Amino acid sequence: MATLDERPSGDAQAGPAAASPESETQDPSGWGAKIHSVRFRVVAAMLGMMLAGLITAGLVTFVVQFQESDARLDQALLDKANAVVKLVQTKKTSGDYADKTYISALHEAAEDLEPRSNEVMAGIVDGRVAWTVEGSGDTDLLNQGMFADAAQLRNPAGASFGELNSDGRPLRTVVLPMRGVTGAFLMVGRDAGDQREHNASSVQTYSLVALGMLSAAAVIGGIVAGRLLDPLRRMRETSRAVGPEDLTQRVEVRKGEDDVTLLAKTFNTMLERLDEGAQQQQQFLDDAGHELRTPLTILRGHLELVTVDDPEDVIATRDVLLDEVDRMQRLVDDLLLLANSGDPGFIRREPVRITELLDQVMEKVHVLADRNWQIDERADYVVEADPQRLTQALVQLAANAVKYTGPSSTIALGSRIERPTADDGTSLPPQDTLLLWVRDDGIGIAAEDQQRIFERFGRAHTGRGEQGSGLGLAIVSAIAQAHGGVATVESEYGHGATFLIRIPLQSTGVRV
């Protein structure tokens, strides 16, 4: 796993990933990179949306709240004014105010109701103050200069609401016309300063809470975004560490199925494919260099020793060279086949009837040598496979058996469908397996060599393995693996060998 301290070595340090002295001088703290990072932009966008939401919600909430508080205050003032008028009417009816004018009766009724400490009542006649009743004797909520503005609030048709300036404090008022008295009005006012201060305090509290929420969201969002985007950071570090000579680096992927984690998994899969392709390429180069060196040496040796004036020597050398060229061509073809065995198009599946496949293979291989050819068993099934590749594998196994058996030996082919005999404990349905084999009664293979012979250029140390290039069984194994299966051998040295190809069926085989 690449770390933050890892840097490419050699010439890679001169690339874009390496910071130059000039860039370090221009941005020593790295803030430029942080500001342009995905993490910063994600958190900034989140905070921007939160800020817009909080401002919008607060603005709407407080506008509605202030309007409702003013409406409640106006209603309370109107109720107080109506209470004064009702009291006057009650006193007039009972005869208590029989000898008083309507204006004097309003004045006395206002005093009887005792205004609150932040309230004031006044009678206005022809634009002049006839009387005032204030709840607080310490300060005057009304002054003579205010009544010019108050006169603008008068509405002969009904109550009029407004706001006056009382020495820098808002005075919310209602002006009610006096019935039967032209040009006379009753005004009730209340100091709204405390209410406005309470509203301002609410706004301030909301702003502080919102600022705290934004700060907490910035911290939590930075942590969460960092964790979510951490695979991207590790991908960047891994990309820096990956080079032509080292494709083994992988991004450490944590549990999760989010998009970034899936991207990291896909990135690892890409690196694995690149690594596999590089390994195959290197394997091909190693194999070609290893195996072509000998025939090239032979070609060069014969060309150096040929006597050009001797026709017989020239002809003999020509035959040797052509034989080596043919061997080199077969070797190159086998190497290319193995190099391409991992490609998706290496096999082309189609319905294959196993009985017909065995008969076709037997028709081809029985002419290879004088042996006792036979078929042990036929699986009368149709499966999805590549008939040409399976034929190639079986022919290779048959040709291999011919090399290590004598004229009186038996070589047999066979096939059957193996079914699972026990539940593996999973919820998946049991999977059938196609089993193909080539059996001979030759010298056999020692136990310690049975795995080696399927490797490239692998040969048994005893018995079988003295002939060929060592690629035949590797090709058989590659064909089996391309079908999702495996090639194995069952043998006891001195008692023959049975080469088997097991291919799991993608769907249950169809009995014919």
Protein backbone atom coordinates (compact mmCIF):
# COMPACT_ATOMS: atom_id res chain seq x y z
CA MET A 1 0.00 0.00 0.00
CA ALA A 2 1.39 3.38 -0.97
CA THR A 3 1.83 5.94 1.78
CA LEU A 4 2.01 9.70 1.79
CA ASP A 5 5.81 9.60 2.03
CA GLU A 6 6.29 7.38 -1.01
CA ARG A 7 7.56 9.05 -4.17
CA PRO A 8 8.57 7.62 -7.54
CA SER A 9 12.33 7.19 -7.84
CA GLY A 10 14.71 8.04 -10.65
CA ASP A 11 13.41 10.01 -13.63
CA ALA A 12 9.85 9.83 -12.31
CA GLN A 13 10.71 12.52 -9.79
CA ALA A 14 11.02 15.01 -12.60
CA GLY A 15 7.39 14.46 -13.65
CA PRO A 16 4.29 16.46 -12.73
CA ALA A 17 3.89 14.59 -9.44
CA ALA A 18 7.17 16.04 -8.10
CA ALA A 19 6.94 19.52 -6.60
CA SER A 20 9.53 21.98 -7.89
CA PRO A 21 11.28 24.46 -5.59
CA GLU A 22 9.40 27.31 -7.28
CA SER A 23 6.02 25.75 -6.56
CA GLU A 24 7.01 25.11 -2.95
CA THR A 25 8.00 28.76 -2.61
CA GLN A 26 4.78 30.00 -4.17
CA ASP A 27 2.57 27.79 -2.02
CA PRO A 28 4.59 26.51 0.95
CA SER A 29 1.56 25.63 3.06
CA GLY A 30 -0.24 23.70 0.34
CA TRP A 31 -3.42 25.76 0.71
CA GLY A 32 -3.77 26.10 -3.05
CA ALA A 33 -4.01 22.34 -3.43
CA LYS A 34 -6.40 22.09 -0.46
CA ILE A 35 -8.72 24.76 -1.85
CA HIS A 36 -8.88 23.00 -5.22
CA SER A 37 -9.35 19.57 -3.67
CA VAL A 38 -12.61 17.66 -4.07
CA ARG A 39 -12.96 17.43 -0.29
CA PHE A 40 -12.82 21.22 0.13
CA ARG A 41 -15.27 21.84 -2.70
CA VAL A 42 -17.72 19.23 -1.42
CA VAL A 43 -17.65 20.69 2.11
CA ALA A 44 -17.85 24.26 0.76
CA ALA A 45 -20.85 23.39 -1.42
CA MET A 46 -22.54 21.68 1.54
CA LEU A 47 -21.91 24.69 3.82
CA GLY A 48 -23.10 27.07 1.11
CA MET A 49 -26.38 25.19 0.75
CA MET A 50 -26.79 25.02 4.54
CA LEU A 51 -26.09 28.75 4.86
CA ALA A 52 -28.62 29.59 2.14
CA GLY A 53 -31.17 27.32 3.80
CA LEU A 54 -30.60 28.79 7.26
CA ILE A 55 -30.81 32.38 5.97
CA THR A 56 -33.99 31.67 4.01
CA ALA A 57 -35.61 29.78 6.89
CA GLY A 58 -34.61 32.45 9.42
CA LEU A 59 -35.75 35.32 7.19
CA VAL A 60 -39.16 33.79 6.54
CA THR A 61 -39.59 32.74 10.16
CA PHE A 62 -38.67 36.10 11.68
CA VAL A 63 -40.64 38.16 9.16
CA VAL A 64 -43.75 36.13 9.94
CA GLN A 65 -42.99 36.24 13.68
CA PHE A 66 -42.50 40.05 13.69
CA GLN A 67 -45.66 40.57 11.69
CA GLU A 68 -47.63 38.35 14.05
CA SER A 69 -46.23 40.12 17.13
CA ASP A 70 -47.16 43.52 15.67
CA ALA A 71 -50.62 42.18 14.82
CA ARG A 72 -51.06 40.90 18.39
CA LEU A 73 -49.91 44.25 19.78
CA ASP A 74 -52.29 46.15 17.48
CA GLN A 75 -55.14 43.90 18.56
CA ALA A 76 -54.30 44.47 22.23
CA LEU A 77 -54.28 48.25 21.71
CA LEU A 78 -57.59 48.12 19.86
CA ASP A 79 -59.09 46.00 22.64
CA LYS A 80 -57.88 48.57 25.20
CA ALA A 81 -59.38 51.47 23.22
CA ASN A 82 -62.68 49.61 22.80
CA ALA A 83 -62.65 48.87 26.54
CA VAL A 84 -62.37 52.61 27.29
CA VAL A 85 -65.23 53.42 24.91
CA LYS A 86 -67.38 50.61 26.36
CA LEU A 87 -66.72 51.81 29.90
CA VAL A 88 -67.83 55.32 28.94
CA GLN A 89 -71.03 53.96 27.42
CA THR A 90 -71.71 51.92 30.55
CA LYS A 91 -71.12 54.90 32.84
CA LYS A 92 -73.29 57.14 30.69
CA THR A 93 -76.11 54.64 30.76
CA SER A 94 -75.90 54.26 34.53
CA GLY A 95 -75.84 58.04 34.97
CA ASP A 96 -72.39 58.25 36.52
CA TYR A 97 -71.09 60.41 33.65
CA ALA A 98 -74.36 62.23 33.03
CA ASP A 99 -72.86 65.62 33.81
CA LYS A 100 -69.59 65.06 31.90
CA THR A 101 -68.79 65.73 28.33
CA TYR A 102 -67.85 62.78 26.18
CA ILE A 103 -64.21 63.84 26.12
CA SER A 104 -64.06 64.22 29.90
CA ALA A 105 -65.81 60.88 30.31
CA LEU A 106 -63.17 59.21 28.09
CA HIS A 107 -60.41 60.81 30.19
CA GLU A 108 -61.89 59.51 33.45
CA ALA A 109 -62.54 56.06 31.96
CA ALA A 110 -58.91 55.90 30.80
CA GLU A 111 -57.74 56.67 34.32
CA ASP A 112 -60.08 54.04 35.74
CA LEU A 113 -58.59 51.36 33.45
CA GLU A 114 -55.08 52.23 34.64
CA PRO A 115 -52.78 51.85 31.62
CA ARG A 116 -49.79 49.56 31.90
CA SER A 117 -46.38 51.03 32.66
CA ASN A 118 -45.42 51.10 28.99
CA GLU A 119 -48.82 52.34 27.76
CA VAL A 120 -50.28 55.79 27.19
CA MET A 121 -53.78 57.04 26.37
CA ALA A 122 -54.63 60.44 24.99
CA GLY A 123 -57.58 62.40 23.69
CA ILE A 124 -57.00 64.43 20.56
CA VAL A 125 -59.38 67.19 19.58
CA ASP A 126 -58.81 69.21 16.40
CA GLY A 127 -55.18 68.07 16.33
CA ARG A 128 -54.44 69.16 19.88
CA VAL A 129 -53.96 67.04 23.00
CA ALA A 130 -56.97 67.37 25.28
CA TRP A 131 -55.69 64.95 27.93
CA THR A 132 -53.14 62.16 28.46
CA VAL A 133 -52.98 59.24 30.84
CA GLU A 134 -49.63 57.44 31.10
CA GLY A 135 -48.91 54.25 32.98
CA SER A 136 -45.41 55.44 34.02
CA GLY A 137 -44.80 58.73 35.66
CA ASP A 138 -41.03 58.64 35.22
CA THR A 139 -40.93 59.17 31.48
CA ASP A 140 -43.24 60.82 29.04
CA LEU A 141 -44.08 58.54 26.20
CA LEU A 142 -45.85 61.39 24.44
CA ASN A 143 -44.70 64.89 23.66
CA GLN A 144 -46.40 67.69 21.83
CA GLY A 145 -44.25 67.33 18.74
CA MET A 146 -45.40 63.80 18.16
CA PHE A 147 -49.05 64.71 17.66
CA ALA A 148 -48.49 66.20 14.27
CA ASP A 149 -47.48 62.70 13.20
CA ALA A 150 -50.32 61.22 15.24
CA ALA A 151 -52.79 63.41 13.40
CA GLN A 152 -51.73 61.68 10.19
CA LEU A 153 -52.96 58.41 11.66
CA ARG A 154 -56.49 59.69 12.23
CA ASN A 155 -59.10 57.89 10.19
CA PRO A 156 -62.66 59.22 10.64
CA ALA A 157 -64.06 56.01 9.17
CA GLY A 158 -62.47 53.67 11.72
CA ALA A 159 -59.41 52.65 13.70
CA SER A 160 -56.00 53.56 12.34
CA PHE A 161 -52.76 51.79 13.33
CA GLY A 162 -49.28 53.26 13.18
CA GLU A 163 -45.97 53.80 14.89
CA LEU A 164 -44.43 56.95 16.40
CA ASN A 165 -40.90 57.74 17.49
CA SER A 166 -40.75 58.34 21.25
CA ASP A 167 -37.24 59.59 21.97
CA GLY A 168 -35.70 56.86 19.83
CA ARG A 169 -38.06 54.09 20.95
CA PRO A 170 -40.93 52.82 18.83
CA LEU A 171 -44.43 53.67 20.09
CA ARG A 172 -47.08 51.48 18.55
CA THR A 173 -50.44 53.30 18.42
CA VAL A 174 -54.08 52.92 17.50
CA VAL A 175 -56.28 55.98 16.86
CA LEU A 176 -60.05 55.53 17.25
CA PRO A 177 -62.56 58.23 16.26
CA MET A 178 -64.95 59.40 19.04
CA ARG A 179 -68.53 58.82 18.11
CA GLY A 180 -70.67 61.93 17.98
CA VAL A 181 -67.70 64.29 18.40
CA THR A 182 -66.34 65.64 15.13
CA GLY A 183 -62.54 65.94 14.99
CA ALA A 184 -62.04 64.07 18.28
CA PHE A 185 -60.02 60.87 18.56
CA LEU A 186 -58.91 58.45 21.23
CA MET A 187 -55.31 57.28 20.95
CA VAL A 188 -53.84 54.29 22.78
CA GLY A 189 -50.10 53.62 22.48
CA ARG A 190 -47.64 51.12 23.84
CA ASP A 191 -43.84 51.17 23.93
CA ALA A 192 -42.76 48.40 21.51
CA GLY A 193 -39.07 48.77 22.31
CA ASP A 194 -38.95 45.76 24.63
CA GLN A 195 -40.68 43.65 22.04
CA ARG A 196 -38.29 44.77 19.33
CA GLU A 197 -35.32 44.10 21.60
CA HIS A 198 -36.71 40.62 22.27
CA ASN A 199 -37.06 40.08 18.53
CA ALA A 200 -33.50 41.29 17.95
CA SER A 201 -32.29 38.98 20.71
CA SER A 202 -34.06 36.07 18.98
CA VAL A 203 -32.34 36.95 15.73
CA GLN A 204 -28.98 37.15 17.48
CA THR A 205 -29.53 33.81 19.23
CA TYR A 206 -30.59 32.21 15.95
CA SER A 207 -27.50 33.63 14.22
CA LEU A 208 -25.18 32.26 16.93
CA VAL A 209 -26.86 28.84 16.83
CA ALA A 210 -26.69 28.83 13.02
CA LEU A 211 -23.00 29.79 13.14
CA GLY A 212 -22.37 26.97 15.61
CA MET A 213 -24.25 24.54 13.38
CA LEU A 214 -22.23 25.64 10.36
CA SER A 215 -18.99 25.22 12.29
CA ALA A 216 -20.00 21.76 13.51
CA ALA A 217 -21.17 20.84 10.00
CA ALA A 218 -17.83 22.01 8.58
CA VAL A 219 -15.90 19.81 11.02
CA ILE A 220 -18.18 16.78 10.68
CA GLY A 221 -18.52 17.28 6.91
CA GLY A 222 -14.76 17.50 6.55
CA ILE A 223 -14.31 14.25 8.47
CA VAL A 224 -17.09 12.44 6.60
CA ALA A 225 -15.96 13.76 3.20
CA GLY A 226 -12.39 12.79 4.06
CA ARG A 227 -13.46 9.23 4.88
CA LEU A 228 -15.65 8.97 1.78
CA LEU A 229 -12.96 10.41 -0.49
CA ASP A 230 -10.10 8.58 1.20
CA PRO A 231 -10.11 5.88 -1.54
CA LEU A 232 -9.49 8.67 -4.09
CA ARG A 233 -6.49 9.85 -2.09
CA ARG A 234 -5.17 6.32 -1.85
CA MET A 235 -5.76 5.87 -5.58
CA ARG A 236 -3.68 8.98 -6.25
CA GLU A 237 -0.87 7.75 -4.02
CA THR A 238 -1.02 4.28 -5.55
CA SER A 239 -0.93 5.78 -9.06
CA ARG A 240 2.24 7.64 -8.10
CA ALA A 241 3.84 4.44 -6.83
CA VAL A 242 2.85 2.34 -9.85
CA GLY A 243 5.53 2.16 -12.52
CA PRO A 244 6.62 -0.06 -15.40
CA GLU A 245 8.75 -2.10 -12.99
CA ASP A 246 6.18 -2.31 -10.19
CA LEU A 247 2.53 -3.09 -10.90
CA THR A 248 1.93 -4.82 -7.59
CA GLN A 249 0.60 -1.75 -5.78
CA ARG A 250 -3.10 -1.88 -4.83
CA VAL A 251 -5.50 0.56 -3.23
CA GLU A 252 -6.55 -0.49 0.25
CA VAL A 253 -10.34 -0.83 0.02
CA ARG A 254 -12.53 -0.73 3.09
CA LYS A 255 -15.94 -2.27 3.46
CA GLY A 256 -18.80 -0.49 1.73
CA GLU A 257 -20.72 -0.29 -1.52
CA ASP A 258 -20.66 3.47 -2.13
CA ASP A 259 -19.59 4.86 -5.50
CA VAL A 260 -16.10 5.87 -4.38
CA THR A 261 -15.40 2.44 -2.84
CA LEU A 262 -16.65 0.73 -6.00
CA LEU A 263 -14.39 3.03 -8.03
CA ALA A 264 -11.42 1.96 -5.88
CA LYS A 265 -12.32 -1.71 -6.43
CA THR A 266 -12.57 -1.09 -10.17
CA PHE A 267 -9.19 0.67 -10.08
CA ASN A 268 -7.67 -2.38 -8.36
CA THR A 269 -9.24 -4.63 -10.99
CA MET A 270 -7.67 -2.49 -13.70
CA LEU A 271 -4.28 -2.73 -12.00
CA GLU A 272 -4.68 -6.50 -11.73
CA ARG A 273 -5.42 -6.74 -15.45
CA LEU A 274 -2.43 -4.54 -16.26
CA ASP A 275 -0.25 -6.62 -13.94
CA GLU A 276 -1.51 -9.83 -15.45
CA GLY A 277 -0.90 -8.53 -18.98
CA ALA A 278 2.61 -7.38 -18.05
CA GLN A 279 3.33 -10.75 -16.45
CA GLN A 280 2.08 -12.56 -19.55
CA GLN A 281 4.20 -10.35 -21.74
CA GLN A 282 7.26 -10.89 -19.56
CA GLN A 283 6.53 -14.62 -19.43
CA PHE A 284 6.33 -14.73 -23.22
CA LEU A 285 9.61 -12.86 -23.57
CA ASP A 286 11.30 -15.11 -21.01
CA ASP A 287 9.93 -18.26 -22.63
CA ALA A 288 10.86 -17.15 -26.14
CA GLY A 289 14.34 -16.10 -25.06
CA HIS A 290 14.81 -19.35 -23.16
CA GLU A 291 13.60 -21.73 -25.86
CA LEU A 292 14.75 -19.95 -29.01
CA ARG A 293 18.31 -19.64 -27.84
CA THR A 294 19.09 -23.32 -28.46
CA PRO A 295 17.74 -23.59 -32.04
CA LEU A 296 19.41 -20.30 -32.95
CA THR A 297 22.70 -21.66 -31.63
CA ILE A 298 22.21 -24.80 -33.71
CA LEU A 299 21.45 -22.72 -36.80
CA ARG A 300 24.51 -20.56 -36.29
CA GLY A 301 26.77 -23.56 -35.60
CA HIS A 302 25.73 -25.41 -38.74
CA LEU A 303 26.04 -22.30 -40.88
CA GLU A 304 29.55 -21.69 -39.55
CA LEU A 305 30.63 -25.31 -40.18
CA VAL A 306 29.00 -25.90 -43.56
CA THR A 307 31.37 -26.55 -46.45
CA VAL A 308 29.93 -24.46 -49.26
CA ASP A 309 31.92 -26.33 -51.91
CA ASP A 310 30.50 -29.72 -50.80
CA PRO A 311 26.95 -30.18 -52.22
CA GLU A 312 26.20 -33.07 -49.89
CA ASP A 313 27.20 -31.05 -46.84
CA VAL A 314 25.10 -28.12 -48.04
CA ILE A 315 22.06 -30.37 -48.53
CA ALA A 316 22.50 -32.02 -45.13
CA THR A 317 22.93 -28.63 -43.45
CA ARG A 318 19.85 -27.34 -45.28
CA ASP A 319 17.74 -30.23 -43.96
CA VAL A 320 18.96 -29.61 -40.40
CA LEU A 321 18.24 -25.88 -40.67
CA LEU A 322 14.74 -26.44 -42.07
CA ASP A 323 14.00 -28.89 -39.28
CA GLU A 324 15.13 -26.34 -36.67
CA VAL A 325 13.11 -23.59 -38.36
CA ASP A 326 10.01 -25.82 -38.23
CA ARG A 327 10.66 -26.51 -34.56
CA MET A 328 11.07 -22.80 -33.90
CA GLN A 329 7.80 -22.09 -35.73
CA ARG A 330 5.93 -24.67 -33.63
CA LEU A 331 7.50 -23.26 -30.50
CA VAL A 332 6.49 -19.69 -31.38
CA ASP A 333 2.95 -20.84 -32.21
CA ASP A 334 2.69 -22.60 -28.84
CA LEU A 335 4.02 -19.57 -26.99
CA LEU A 336 1.54 -17.28 -28.75
CA LEU A 337 -1.27 -19.69 -27.92
CA LEU A 338 -0.35 -19.64 -24.24
CA ALA A 339 0.04 -15.85 -24.27
CA ASN A 340 -3.48 -15.47 -25.68
CA SER A 341 -5.12 -18.06 -23.43
CA GLY A 342 -6.27 -15.38 -21.00
CA ASP A 343 -8.15 -13.36 -23.64
CA PRO A 344 -11.98 -13.47 -23.56
CA GLY A 345 -12.08 -14.64 -27.18
CA PHE A 346 -9.73 -17.57 -26.60
CA ILE A 347 -12.69 -19.95 -26.44
CA ARG A 348 -15.99 -19.74 -28.31
CA ARG A 349 -18.73 -21.68 -26.61
CA GLU A 350 -21.39 -23.52 -28.56
CA PRO A 351 -23.52 -26.61 -27.99
CA VAL A 352 -21.26 -29.67 -28.17
CA ARG A 353 -22.48 -33.27 -28.17
CA ILE A 354 -19.85 -35.15 -26.18
CA THR A 355 -20.33 -38.52 -27.96
CA GLU A 356 -19.69 -36.94 -31.35
CA LEU A 357 -16.70 -35.04 -29.98
CA LEU A 358 -15.05 -38.25 -28.72
CA ASP A 359 -15.72 -40.06 -32.02
CA GLN A 360 -14.18 -37.17 -33.98
CA VAL A 361 -11.12 -37.10 -31.74
CA MET A 362 -10.71 -40.87 -32.01
CA GLU A 363 -10.94 -40.61 -35.81
CA LYS A 364 -8.03 -38.16 -35.76
CA VAL A 365 -5.72 -39.76 -33.21
CA HIS A 366 -5.91 -43.46 -34.07
CA VAL A 367 -3.58 -42.87 -37.03
CA LEU A 368 -0.86 -41.36 -34.83
CA ALA A 369 0.62 -44.76 -34.01
CA ASP A 370 -0.12 -48.47 -33.87
CA ARG A 371 -1.78 -48.69 -30.46
CA ASN A 372 -4.78 -50.39 -28.98
CA TRP A 373 -7.17 -47.42 -29.26
CA GLN A 374 -10.50 -47.58 -27.43
CA ILE A 375 -13.21 -45.50 -25.79
CA ASP A 376 -13.91 -46.30 -22.14
CA GLU A 377 -17.17 -44.42 -21.69
CA ARG A 378 -19.32 -41.88 -23.51
CA ALA A 379 -21.33 -39.13 -21.84
CA ASP A 380 -24.45 -38.77 -23.97
CA TYR A 381 -24.85 -35.06 -23.17
CA VAL A 382 -24.84 -31.70 -24.94
CA VAL A 383 -22.81 -29.03 -23.14
CA GLU A 384 -21.72 -25.44 -23.85
CA ALA A 385 -18.00 -25.51 -24.72
CA ASP A 386 -15.47 -24.80 -27.47
CA PRO A 387 -15.22 -28.00 -29.55
CA GLN A 388 -12.01 -26.97 -31.34
CA ARG A 389 -10.13 -26.22 -28.10
CA LEU A 390 -11.35 -29.43 -26.45
CA THR A 391 -10.28 -31.38 -29.54
CA GLN A 392 -6.89 -29.68 -29.42
CA ALA A 393 -6.45 -30.63 -25.76
CA LEU A 394 -7.51 -34.27 -26.25
CA VAL A 395 -5.30 -34.64 -29.35
CA GLN A 396 -2.37 -33.21 -27.39
CA LEU A 397 -2.95 -35.70 -24.57
CA ALA A 398 -3.27 -38.57 -27.04
CA ALA A 399 -0.05 -37.53 -28.84
CA ASN A 400 1.66 -37.29 -25.46
CA ALA A 401 0.48 -40.81 -24.59
CA VAL A 402 1.82 -42.15 -27.89
CA LYS A 403 5.33 -40.88 -27.05
CA TYR A 404 5.52 -42.91 -23.84
CA THR A 405 3.85 -46.17 -24.85
CA GLY A 406 4.80 -49.10 -27.05
CA PRO A 407 3.00 -50.79 -29.96
CA SER A 408 1.13 -53.20 -27.68
CA SER A 409 -0.04 -50.51 -25.26
CA THR A 410 -3.60 -49.33 -24.81
CA ILE A 411 -4.67 -45.70 -25.11
CA ALA A 412 -8.25 -44.97 -24.18
CA LEU A 413 -10.48 -41.90 -24.30
CA GLY A 414 -13.56 -41.32 -22.19
CA SER A 415 -16.11 -38.84 -20.89
CA ARG A 416 -18.89 -38.63 -18.33
CA ILE A 417 -20.88 -36.11 -16.30
CA GLU A 418 -20.05 -36.01 -12.62
CA ARG A 419 -22.76 -34.87 -10.25
CA PRO A 420 -22.21 -33.57 -6.70
CA THR A 421 -22.70 -36.31 -4.13
CA ALA A 422 -23.14 -34.08 -1.03
CA ASP A 423 -24.55 -30.69 -0.15
CA ASP A 424 -21.76 -28.11 0.16
CA GLY A 425 -23.78 -26.07 2.67
CA THR A 426 -24.52 -23.18 0.29
CA SER A 427 -27.79 -22.03 -1.20
CA LEU A 428 -26.42 -22.46 -4.73
CA PRO A 429 -27.71 -25.39 -6.76
CA PRO A 430 -25.27 -28.31 -7.17
CA GLN A 431 -23.03 -27.90 -10.25
CA ASP A 432 -22.41 -30.72 -12.69
CA THR A 433 -18.91 -31.27 -14.10
CA LEU A 434 -17.85 -32.58 -17.49
CA LEU A 435 -15.01 -35.08 -17.13
CA LEU A 436 -12.81 -35.92 -20.15
CA TRP A 437 -9.80 -38.20 -19.96
CA VAL A 438 -7.04 -39.89 -21.92
CA ARG A 439 -5.67 -43.08 -20.32
CA ASP A 440 -2.57 -45.10 -21.17
CA ASP A 441 -0.69 -48.02 -19.62
CA GLY A 442 2.78 -46.59 -20.17
CA ILE A 443 5.57 -45.93 -17.73
CA GLY A 444 3.57 -43.47 -15.66
CA ILE A 445 4.62 -40.33 -13.75
CA ALA A 446 6.19 -40.06 -10.33
CA ALA A 447 4.12 -38.29 -7.67
CA GLU A 448 6.64 -35.46 -7.24
CA ASP A 449 6.44 -34.65 -10.98
CA GLN A 450 2.66 -34.68 -11.45
CA GLN A 451 2.24 -30.96 -10.73
CA ARG A 452 5.39 -29.82 -12.52
CA ILE A 453 4.49 -31.28 -15.89
CA PHE A 454 1.61 -28.82 -16.36
CA GLU A 455 3.93 -25.84 -16.00
CA ARG A 456 5.57 -24.20 -18.99
CA PHE A 457 8.65 -26.16 -20.03
CA GLY A 458 8.02 -28.46 -17.12
CA ARG A 459 9.27 -32.02 -17.55
CA ALA A 460 9.24 -35.06 -15.34
CA HIS A 461 12.61 -35.95 -13.83
CA THR A 462 12.03 -39.65 -14.44
CA GLY A 463 10.25 -41.57 -17.14
CA ARG A 464 8.08 -39.24 -19.20
CA GLY A 465 9.36 -35.78 -20.01
CA GLU A 466 12.44 -36.40 -22.12
CA GLN A 467 10.76 -35.39 -25.39
CA GLY A 468 9.02 -32.25 -26.69
CA SER A 469 9.26 -28.58 -25.76
CA GLY A 470 7.46 -28.87 -22.47
CA LEU A 471 4.51 -26.71 -23.63
CA GLY A 472 1.98 -29.38 -24.61
CA LEU A 473 0.53 -30.03 -21.17
CA ALA A 474 0.70 -26.31 -20.36
CA ILE A 475 -1.55 -25.71 -23.37
CA VAL A 476 -3.96 -28.42 -22.15
CA SER A 477 -4.07 -26.75 -18.72
CA ALA A 478 -4.69 -23.33 -20.32
CA ILE A 479 -7.62 -24.71 -22.34
CA ALA A 480 -9.13 -26.27 -19.22
CA GLN A 481 -8.73 -23.03 -17.25
CA ALA A 482 -10.27 -21.00 -20.08
CA HIS A 483 -13.38 -23.20 -19.67
CA GLY A 484 -13.32 -22.55 -15.92
CA GLY A 485 -11.91 -25.99 -15.17
CA VAL A 486 -8.65 -27.71 -14.40
CA ALA A 487 -6.34 -30.34 -15.89
CA THR A 488 -4.90 -33.04 -13.61
CA VAL A 489 -3.21 -36.40 -13.80
CA GLU A 490 -3.68 -39.62 -11.86
CA SER A 491 -0.69 -41.90 -12.09
CA GLU A 492 1.55 -44.27 -10.25
CA TYR A 493 5.05 -44.61 -11.58
CA GLY A 494 5.32 -47.78 -13.64
CA HIS A 495 1.55 -48.30 -13.92
CA GLY A 496 0.38 -45.89 -16.60
CA ALA A 497 -1.28 -42.48 -16.35
CA THR A 498 -4.74 -40.96 -16.76
CA PHE A 499 -4.93 -37.30 -17.75
CA LEU A 500 -8.23 -35.66 -16.82
CA ILE A 501 -9.92 -32.42 -17.80
CA ARG A 502 -12.67 -31.28 -15.43
CA ILE A 503 -14.94 -28.49 -16.70
CA PRO A 504 -17.80 -27.18 -14.52
CA LEU A 505 -20.92 -26.82 -16.61
CA GLN A 506 -22.46 -23.35 -16.78
CA SER A 507 -25.88 -24.98 -16.85
CA THR A 508 -27.00 -28.53 -16.33
CA GLY A 509 -26.09 -30.73 -19.25
CA VAL A 510 -28.83 -31.96 -21.56
CA ARG A 511 -29.10 -35.70 -21.92
CA VAL A 512 -29.58 -36.65 -25.57
